[in-house]
Protein backbone atom coordinates (compact mmCIF):
# COMPACT_ATOMS: atom_id res chain seq x y z
CA MET A 1 12.13 16.31 -29.47
CA LYS A 2 12.32 12.51 -29.50
CA SER A 3 11.37 10.84 -26.24
CA GLN A 4 14.10 8.95 -24.44
CA LYS A 5 13.82 5.16 -24.42
CA LEU A 6 13.09 3.68 -21.00
CA GLN A 7 16.01 2.41 -18.99
CA TYR A 8 15.51 0.67 -15.70
CA TYR A 9 17.88 -0.46 -13.03
CA MET A 10 17.24 -3.01 -10.31
CA HIS A 11 18.99 -2.55 -6.98
CA ASP A 12 18.91 -5.60 -4.73
CA GLY A 13 19.65 -4.36 -1.21
CA PRO A 14 19.43 -6.08 2.19
CA SER A 15 16.27 -4.27 3.33
CA ALA A 16 14.70 -3.14 0.03
CA PHE A 17 14.48 -4.05 -3.64
CA ARG A 18 14.46 -0.93 -5.80
CA PHE A 19 13.49 -0.30 -9.41
CA GLU A 20 14.87 2.97 -10.79
CA LEU A 21 13.08 4.15 -13.95
CA ALA A 22 14.44 6.71 -16.43
CA GLY A 23 13.05 7.84 -19.78
CA ASN A 24 9.68 7.23 -21.40
CA LEU A 25 7.54 4.29 -20.24
CA ASN A 26 5.83 3.48 -23.53
CA ASN A 27 3.72 0.41 -24.25
CA GLU A 28 6.67 -1.65 -25.52
CA ALA A 29 8.81 -0.76 -22.51
CA GLU A 30 5.91 -1.63 -20.20
CA ARG A 31 5.94 -5.22 -21.43
CA ASP A 32 9.69 -5.49 -20.84
CA LEU A 33 9.42 -3.93 -17.37
CA ASP A 34 6.50 -6.22 -16.49
CA GLN A 35 8.62 -9.26 -17.33
CA ALA A 36 11.50 -7.93 -15.21
CA TRP A 37 9.07 -7.37 -12.32
CA ARG A 38 7.71 -10.93 -12.60
CA THR A 39 11.23 -12.32 -12.45
CA ALA A 40 12.33 -10.06 -9.57
CA SER A 41 9.17 -10.55 -7.50
CA SER A 42 10.16 -14.13 -6.73
CA MET A 43 13.34 -12.87 -5.01
CA ILE A 44 11.99 -9.94 -2.97
CA GLY A 45 10.65 -11.89 0.00
CA ASP A 46 9.70 -9.61 2.92
CA ARG A 47 11.89 -6.68 1.84
CA ALA A 48 10.34 -3.33 0.92
CA LEU A 49 9.70 -2.58 -2.75
CA VAL A 50 10.75 0.89 -3.89
CA VAL A 51 9.96 2.27 -7.35
CA ASP A 52 11.97 5.42 -8.06
CA MET A 53 10.31 7.42 -10.86
CA THR A 54 12.45 10.55 -10.42
CA PHE A 55 13.82 10.40 -13.95
CA LEU A 56 10.68 9.10 -15.71
CA THR A 57 9.88 11.58 -18.49
CA GLY A 58 6.54 10.17 -19.64
CA ALA A 59 4.20 7.20 -19.62
CA GLU A 60 1.76 5.91 -22.21
CA ARG A 61 -1.54 4.34 -21.16
CA ASP A 62 -0.25 0.79 -20.56
CA GLY A 63 2.79 2.16 -18.71
CA ARG A 64 0.63 3.98 -16.20
């Protein structure tokens, strides 16, 4: 069975900023997600950060 490519969604709410992860967090996807985090972190301010890993199916070393 081929692992599902990582998809992530960013939800920018009034009291929290949420990343929703789905699929396999491999090393290549980790670099892409890291860049998205760096961009989003400048906008979060004092809101809560939520990382939803409900649909994460796996993670390689760098992804962990």
